[in-house]
Amino acid sequence: MIEIKDLLLRFSHLLHSEEVKKESIRNIISETIGIQIPLKDITIKNNTVFLNIKPVYKNKIFIKKEQILSKIEETLGKKAPSDLR
C-alpha cells in the first residue's frame, strides 16, 4: 500500500518542476527581449505558456516568438511548452 507521504512527494516534485519551467521561460524572455516578467504572470496550461503582461510587451515577445520557443525547447527538452500566448 502506498503511503500518503509518498504521494505528497510525487506532487511536490510536479509543482517544483512547474516553477523551474516558469523560471527558465522568464530567464529566456529576459535574455532575448530584456523584459523582466514576474513569475506570477506566467501560466502554463496544456503545453502552452500564457503571459499576463501589457500588450506592448506581448508584441515585442511575439516578434521573436520562434526564437524564444526554440530556446525554451533547448533548455527544457521534450517537456517544453510548444506555444506562447
Protein backbone atom coordinates (compact mmCIF):
# COMPACT_ATOMS: atom_id res chain seq x y z
CA MET A 1 0.00 0.00 0.00
CA ILE A 2 1.26 3.46 -0.92
CA GLU A 3 1.69 5.84 1.98
CA ILE A 4 0.36 9.38 1.86
CA LYS A 5 3.82 10.89 2.29
CA ASP A 6 4.98 9.12 -0.89
CA LEU A 7 2.06 10.58 -2.85
CA LEU A 8 2.75 14.05 -1.46
CA LEU A 9 6.38 13.77 -2.51
CA ARG A 10 5.28 12.98 -6.06
CA PHE A 11 3.04 16.03 -6.19
CA SER A 12 5.65 18.31 -4.66
CA HIS A 13 8.05 17.24 -7.40
CA LEU A 14 5.44 18.15 -10.04
CA LEU A 15 4.88 21.57 -8.50
CA HIS A 16 8.59 22.19 -8.27
CA SER A 17 9.08 21.31 -11.91
CA GLU A 18 6.42 23.87 -12.93
CA GLU A 19 8.29 26.56 -11.01
CA VAL A 20 11.53 25.55 -12.72
CA LYS A 21 9.82 25.80 -16.12
CA LYS A 22 8.44 29.25 -15.30
CA GLU A 23 11.85 30.44 -14.11
CA SER A 24 13.50 29.14 -17.29
CA ILE A 25 10.90 30.81 -19.50
CA ARG A 26 11.29 34.07 -17.59
CA ASN A 27 15.09 33.98 -17.99
CA ILE A 28 14.88 33.22 -21.72
CA ILE A 29 12.46 36.10 -22.33
CA SER A 30 14.66 38.39 -20.26
CA GLU A 31 17.77 37.44 -22.28
CA THR A 32 16.02 37.74 -25.64
CA ILE A 33 13.85 40.83 -25.16
CA GLY A 34 15.19 42.46 -22.00
CA ILE A 35 11.85 42.42 -20.17
CA GLN A 36 11.55 41.15 -16.59
CA ILE A 37 8.26 39.28 -16.10
CA PRO A 38 7.13 38.30 -12.58
CA LEU A 39 6.63 34.55 -12.09
CA LYS A 40 3.02 35.14 -11.04
CA ASP A 41 2.27 36.48 -14.55
CA ILE A 42 3.42 33.27 -16.28
CA THR A 43 0.98 30.37 -16.52
CA ILE A 44 1.49 27.03 -18.27
CA LYS A 45 -1.62 25.13 -19.35
CA ASN A 46 -1.96 22.34 -21.90
CA ASN A 47 1.62 22.78 -23.10
CA THR A 48 1.04 26.49 -23.78
CA VAL A 49 2.63 29.46 -21.99
CA PHE A 50 0.23 32.28 -21.15
CA LEU A 51 1.67 35.67 -20.26
CA ASN A 52 -0.38 38.17 -18.28
CA ILE A 53 1.51 41.30 -19.29
CA LYS A 54 0.90 44.60 -21.10
CA PRO A 55 0.14 44.35 -24.84
CA VAL A 56 3.20 46.44 -25.70
CA TYR A 57 5.46 43.81 -24.14
CA LYS A 58 3.50 40.96 -25.71
CA ASN A 59 4.08 42.48 -29.15
CA LYS A 60 7.83 42.56 -28.54
CA ILE A 61 7.74 38.94 -27.43
CA PHE A 62 5.62 37.78 -30.37
CA ILE A 63 8.02 39.38 -32.84
CA LYS A 64 10.70 36.97 -31.57
CA LYS A 65 8.31 34.13 -30.71
CA GLU A 66 10.07 31.45 -32.78
CA GLN A 67 13.46 32.33 -31.34
CA ILE A 68 12.08 32.22 -27.77
CA LEU A 69 10.30 28.90 -28.34
CA SER A 70 13.44 27.31 -29.80
CA LYS A 71 15.49 28.42 -26.77
CA ILE A 72 12.79 27.08 -24.44
CA GLU A 73 12.91 23.73 -26.25
CA GLU A 74 16.71 23.64 -25.99
CA THR A 75 16.55 24.33 -22.28
CA LEU A 76 13.61 22.19 -21.19
CA GLY A 77 13.80 19.39 -23.75
CA LYS A 78 10.78 17.21 -24.54
CA LYS A 79 8.60 18.67 -21.81
CA ALA A 80 8.91 22.19 -23.17
CA PRO A 81 5.74 24.17 -23.95
CA SER A 82 5.06 24.36 -27.67
CA ASP A 83 3.13 27.65 -27.88
CA LEU A 84 3.33 31.15 -26.41
CA ARG A 85 0.34 33.43 -25.89
